[in-house]
């Protein structure tokens, strides 16, 4: 499978930003260390529940925090076991690093899940449909492009309820 150039760039930006939370100012070019407590899943904020129609198994018990918001958004997401139906196309290319638990992604039309244990890094491309299952006490670091991220939270977007 050929990885889109945009996804490769996200991977490169993620690696460059690994020592870089929310930007202090547009002119500030100093590296920013991501907060260790949030990377450990401590002091994360609230996240709106997944819509009932998306939940195939489990419950919407999760926390979330943005760690950096510039041209890209870096965030931490943590959840109890849940399986989601992603029938609306995923709204952005998303770099995911599984830090705890396991992620199972099954593409629409497939019976076989891709399994990503803690330590895995993957890209979920814009347009993905299928199931998204977080197994065990799950935690991920993610990186997405800011404009698509904002659009996904507007009315009519995947997360705009």
C-alpha atoms as a PDB file:
ATOM      1  CA  UNK A   1       0.000   0.000   0.000  1.00  0.00           C
ATOM      2  CA  UNK A   2       1.383   3.379  -0.992  1.00  0.00           C
ATOM      3  CA  UNK A   3       1.335   5.988   1.805  1.00  0.00           C
ATOM      4  CA  UNK A   4       0.132   9.449   0.667  1.00  0.00           C
ATOM      5  CA  UNK A   5       2.796  12.164   0.663  1.00  0.00           C
ATOM      6  CA  UNK A   6       0.656  14.221   3.068  1.00  0.00           C
ATOM      7  CA  UNK A   7       0.682  11.332   5.573  1.00  0.00           C
ATOM      8  CA  UNK A   8       4.445  10.968   5.291  1.00  0.00           C
ATOM      9  CA  UNK A   9       4.797  14.689   5.982  1.00  0.00           C
ATOM     10  CA  UNK A  10       2.600  14.344   9.090  1.00  0.00           C
ATOM     11  CA  UNK A  11       4.896  11.572  10.327  1.00  0.00           C
ATOM     12  CA  UNK A  12       7.938  13.770   9.787  1.00  0.00           C
ATOM     13  CA  UNK A  13       6.313  16.763  11.501  1.00  0.00           C
ATOM     14  CA  UNK A  14       5.287  14.549  14.426  1.00  0.00           C
ATOM     15  CA  UNK A  15       8.851  13.353  14.899  1.00  0.00           C
ATOM     16  CA  UNK A  16      10.177  16.904  14.721  1.00  0.00           C
ATOM     17  CA  UNK A  17       7.565  18.136  17.206  1.00  0.00           C
ATOM     18  CA  UNK A  18       8.053  15.299  19.707  1.00  0.00           C
ATOM     19  CA  UNK A  19       9.727  17.704  22.117  1.00  0.00           C
ATOM     20  CA  UNK A  20       7.410  20.426  21.164  1.00  0.00           C
ATOM     21  CA  UNK A  21       1.735  21.925  24.073  1.00  0.00           C
ATOM     22  CA  UNK A  22      -0.170  24.742  22.826  1.00  0.00           C
ATOM     23  CA  UNK A  23       1.882  27.438  21.094  1.00  0.00           C
ATOM     24  CA  UNK A  24       2.550  30.570  23.166  1.00  0.00           C
ATOM     25  CA  UNK A  25       2.418  32.933  20.199  1.00  0.00           C
ATOM     26  CA  UNK A  26       2.596  32.914  16.411  1.00  0.00           C
ATOM     27  CA  UNK A  27       6.119  34.374  16.476  1.00  0.00           C
ATOM     28  CA  UNK A  28       7.383  31.915  19.088  1.00  0.00           C
ATOM     29  CA  UNK A  29       9.628  29.359  17.399  1.00  0.00           C
ATOM     30  CA  UNK A  30      11.044  27.750  20.537  1.00  0.00           C
ATOM     31  CA  UNK A  31      10.580  23.992  20.894  1.00  0.00           C
ATOM     32  CA  UNK A  32       7.792  23.115  23.306  1.00  0.00           C
ATOM     33  CA  UNK A  33       7.950  20.028  25.506  1.00  0.00           C
ATOM     34  CA  UNK A  34       4.725  18.032  25.546  1.00  0.00           C
ATOM     35  CA  UNK A  35       3.373  17.826  29.108  1.00  0.00           C
ATOM     36  CA  UNK A  36       4.464  14.580  30.781  1.00  0.00           C
ATOM     37  CA  UNK A  37       1.313  14.297  32.926  1.00  0.00           C
ATOM     38  CA  UNK A  38      -0.935  14.363  29.838  1.00  0.00           C
ATOM     39  CA  UNK A  39       1.314  11.916  27.975  1.00  0.00           C
ATOM     40  CA  UNK A  40       0.804   9.595  30.967  1.00  0.00           C
ATOM     41  CA  UNK A  41      -2.981  10.062  30.701  1.00  0.00           C
ATOM     42  CA  UNK A  42      -3.221  12.287  33.800  1.00  0.00           C
ATOM     43  CA  UNK A  43      -5.192  15.564  33.912  1.00  0.00           C
ATOM     44  CA  UNK A  44      -6.868  15.065  30.540  1.00  0.00           C
ATOM     45  CA  UNK A  45     -10.043  17.029  29.837  1.00  0.00           C
ATOM     46  CA  UNK A  46     -13.573  16.020  28.930  1.00  0.00           C
ATOM     47  CA  UNK A  47     -14.565  14.846  25.470  1.00  0.00           C
ATOM     48  CA  UNK A  48     -18.161  14.780  24.195  1.00  0.00           C
ATOM     49  CA  UNK A  49     -19.680  11.283  24.158  1.00  0.00           C
ATOM     50  CA  UNK A  50     -19.676   9.326  20.925  1.00  0.00           C
ATOM     51  CA  UNK A  51     -23.149   9.380  19.324  1.00  0.00           C
ATOM     52  CA  UNK A  52     -25.171   6.309  20.372  1.00  0.00           C
ATOM     53  CA  UNK A  53     -25.576   5.230  16.736  1.00  0.00           C
ATOM     54  CA  UNK A  54     -21.782   4.884  16.410  1.00  0.00           C
ATOM     55  CA  UNK A  55     -21.328   2.637  19.484  1.00  0.00           C
ATOM     56  CA  UNK A  56     -21.352  -1.070  18.595  1.00  0.00           C
ATOM     57  CA  UNK A  57     -20.017  -2.286  21.975  1.00  0.00           C
ATOM     58  CA  UNK A  58     -18.796  -0.706  25.210  1.00  0.00           C
ATOM     59  CA  UNK A  59     -19.548   2.732  26.594  1.00  0.00           C
ATOM     60  CA  UNK A  60     -18.420   6.259  25.780  1.00  0.00           C
ATOM     61  CA  UNK A  61     -15.982   6.709  28.683  1.00  0.00           C
ATOM     62  CA  UNK A  62     -13.014   8.773  27.570  1.00  0.00           C
ATOM     63  CA  UNK A  63     -10.845  11.841  28.143  1.00  0.00           C
ATOM     64  CA  UNK A  64      -8.934  14.081  25.770  1.00  0.00           C
ATOM     65  CA  UNK A  65      -6.546  17.028  25.687  1.00  0.00           C
ATOM     66  CA  UNK A  66      -4.930  19.063  22.939  1.00  0.00           C
ATOM     67  CA  UNK A  67      -1.205  19.206  23.565  1.00  0.00           C
ATOM     68  CA  UNK A  68      -0.290  21.488  20.673  1.00  0.00           C
ATOM     69  CA  UNK A  69      -2.337  23.605  18.282  1.00  0.00           C
ATOM     70  CA  UNK A  70      -0.486  25.210  15.372  1.00  0.00           C
ATOM     71  CA  UNK A  71      -0.626  24.178  11.708  1.00  0.00           C
ATOM     72  CA  UNK A  72      -1.141  20.696  13.124  1.00  0.00           C
ATOM     73  CA  UNK A  73      -3.012  19.562  16.226  1.00  0.00           C
ATOM     74  CA  UNK A  74      -1.355  17.079  18.578  1.00  0.00           C
ATOM     75  CA  UNK A  75      -3.613  15.501  21.156  1.00  0.00           C
ATOM     76  CA  UNK A  76      -3.922  12.773  23.727  1.00  0.00           C
ATOM     77  CA  UNK A  77      -7.017  10.545  23.790  1.00  0.00           C
ATOM     78  CA  UNK A  78      -7.759   7.906  26.407  1.00  0.00           C
ATOM     79  CA  UNK A  79     -10.727   5.507  26.505  1.00  0.00           C
ATOM     80  CA  UNK A  80     -12.225   2.465  28.171  1.00  0.00           C
ATOM     81  CA  UNK A  81     -12.965  -0.457  25.793  1.00  0.00           C
ATOM     82  CA  UNK A  82     -15.331   0.557  22.995  1.00  0.00           C
ATOM     83  CA  UNK A  83     -16.077  -0.453  19.402  1.00  0.00           C
ATOM     84  CA  UNK A  84     -17.255   2.263  17.010  1.00  0.00           C
ATOM     85  CA  UNK A  85     -18.959   2.129  13.638  1.00  0.00           C
ATOM     86  CA  UNK A  86     -17.197   4.599  11.345  1.00  0.00           C
ATOM     87  CA  UNK A  87     -19.765   4.713   8.541  1.00  0.00           C
ATOM     88  CA  UNK A  88     -19.172   8.391   7.743  1.00  0.00           C
ATOM     89  CA  UNK A  89     -15.780   8.835   6.085  1.00  0.00           C
ATOM     90  CA  UNK A  90     -12.998   9.716   8.551  1.00  0.00           C
ATOM     91  CA  UNK A  91     -12.526  13.498   8.171  1.00  0.00           C
ATOM     92  CA  UNK A  92      -8.731  13.793   8.138  1.00  0.00           C
ATOM     93  CA  UNK A  93      -5.452  11.945   7.790  1.00  0.00           C
ATOM     94  CA  UNK A  94      -4.571  10.984  11.356  1.00  0.00           C
ATOM     95  CA  UNK A  95      -1.215   9.835  12.646  1.00  0.00           C
ATOM     96  CA  UNK A  96      -1.828   7.592  15.673  1.00  0.00           C
ATOM     97  CA  UNK A  97       0.716   6.288  18.147  1.00  0.00           C
ATOM     98  CA  UNK A  98      -0.842   3.658  20.416  1.00  0.00           C
ATOM     99  CA  UNK A  99       0.594   4.181  23.895  1.00  0.00           C
ATOM    100  CA  UNK A 100      -1.541   1.761  25.897  1.00  0.00           C
ATOM    101  CA  UNK A 101      -4.044  -0.969  25.075  1.00  0.00           C
ATOM    102  CA  UNK A 102      -4.661  -2.081  21.532  1.00  0.00           C
ATOM    103  CA  UNK A 103      -6.380  -0.628  18.474  1.00  0.00           C
ATOM    104  CA  UNK A 104      -8.302  -2.855  16.058  1.00  0.00           C
ATOM    105  CA  UNK A 105      -9.308  -1.286  12.727  1.00  0.00           C
ATOM    106  CA  UNK A 106     -11.472  -3.188  10.276  1.00  0.00           C
ATOM    107  CA  UNK A 107     -12.025  -1.594   6.875  1.00  0.00           C
ATOM    108  CA  UNK A 108     -15.527  -1.672   5.388  1.00  0.00           C
ATOM    109  CA  UNK A 109     -15.932  -4.800   3.285  1.00  0.00           C
ATOM    110  CA  UNK A 110     -13.264  -6.719   5.214  1.00  0.00           C
ATOM    111  CA  UNK A 111     -13.629  -9.404   7.865  1.00  0.00           C
ATOM    112  CA  UNK A 112     -10.059  -9.049   9.110  1.00  0.00           C
ATOM    113  CA  UNK A 113      -8.995  -6.369  11.575  1.00  0.00           C
ATOM    114  CA  UNK A 114      -5.624  -4.687  11.551  1.00  0.00           C
ATOM    115  CA  UNK A 115      -4.295  -5.037  15.102  1.00  0.00           C
ATOM    116  CA  UNK A 116      -2.080  -2.298  16.539  1.00  0.00           C
ATOM    117  CA  UNK A 117      -0.700  -2.984  20.042  1.00  0.00           C
ATOM    118  CA  UNK A 118       0.951  -0.423  22.323  1.00  0.00           C
ATOM    119  CA  UNK A 119       4.048   0.970  20.608  1.00  0.00           C
ATOM    120  CA  UNK A 120       2.460   0.880  17.135  1.00  0.00           C
ATOM    121  CA  UNK A 121       2.395   3.956  14.935  1.00  0.00           C
ATOM    122  CA  UNK A 122      -0.033   4.146  12.020  1.00  0.00           C
ATOM    123  CA  UNK A 123      -1.851   6.544   9.731  1.00  0.00           C
ATOM    124  CA  UNK A 124      -5.632   6.359   9.432  1.00  0.00           C
ATOM    125  CA  UNK A 125      -6.280   8.056   6.093  1.00  0.00           C
ATOM    126  CA  UNK A 126      -9.024  10.564   5.362  1.00  0.00           C
ATOM    127  CA  UNK A 127     -12.031   8.656   4.068  1.00  0.00           C
ATOM    128  CA  UNK A 128     -11.533   5.499   6.184  1.00  0.00           C
ATOM    129  CA  UNK A 129     -14.768   3.651   6.958  1.00  0.00           C
ATOM    130  CA  UNK A 130     -15.233   0.491   8.995  1.00  0.00           C
ATOM    131  CA  UNK A 131     -14.922  -0.237  12.698  1.00  0.00           C
ATOM    132  CA  UNK A 132     -12.582   1.350  15.224  1.00  0.00           C
ATOM    133  CA  UNK A 133     -12.163  -0.741  18.363  1.00  0.00           C
ATOM    134  CA  UNK A 134     -10.123   0.306  21.384  1.00  0.00           C
ATOM    135  CA  UNK A 135      -9.245  -2.728  23.494  1.00  0.00           C
ATOM    136  CA  UNK A 136      -8.280  -2.571  27.184  1.00  0.00           C
ATOM    137  CA  UNK A 137      -7.433   0.721  28.847  1.00  0.00           C
ATOM    138  CA  UNK A 138      -6.548   2.545  25.650  1.00  0.00           C
ATOM    139  CA  UNK A 139      -4.419   5.676  25.174  1.00  0.00           C
ATOM    140  CA  UNK A 140      -3.117   7.274  21.987  1.00  0.00           C
ATOM    141  CA  UNK A 141      -1.176  10.302  20.863  1.00  0.00           C
ATOM    142  CA  UNK A 142      -2.540  11.691  17.597  1.00  0.00           C
ATOM    143  CA  UNK A 143      -1.558  14.301  15.026  1.00  0.00           C
ATOM    144  CA  UNK A 144      -3.984  15.841  12.515  1.00  0.00           C
ATOM    145  CA  UNK A 145      -4.035  18.834  10.167  1.00  0.00           C
ATOM    146  CA  UNK A 146      -5.658  21.797  11.938  1.00  0.00           C
ATOM    147  CA  UNK A 147      -8.175  22.966   9.307  1.00  0.00           C
ATOM    148  CA  UNK A 148      -9.660  19.497   8.752  1.00  0.00           C
ATOM    149  CA  UNK A 149      -9.750  18.996  12.534  1.00  0.00           C
ATOM    150  CA  UNK A 150     -11.722  22.241  13.013  1.00  0.00           C
ATOM    151  CA  UNK A 151     -14.083  21.381  10.138  1.00  0.00           C
ATOM    152  CA  UNK A 152     -14.796  17.956  11.702  1.00  0.00           C
ATOM    153  CA  UNK A 153     -16.146  19.708  14.818  1.00  0.00           C
ATOM    154  CA  UNK A 154     -18.542  22.009  12.949  1.00  0.00           C
ATOM    155  CA  UNK A 155     -22.242  21.119  12.476  1.00  0.00           C
ATOM    156  CA  UNK A 156     -22.383  18.393   9.860  1.00  0.00           C
ATOM    157  CA  UNK A 157     -18.820  17.252  10.640  1.00  0.00           C
ATOM    158  CA  UNK A 158     -18.130  13.827  12.150  1.00  0.00           C
ATOM    159  CA  UNK A 159     -17.682  15.297  15.642  1.00  0.00           C
ATOM    160  CA  UNK A 160     -20.058  18.298  15.289  1.00  0.00           C
ATOM    161  CA  UNK A 161     -23.105  17.188  17.224  1.00  0.00           C
END
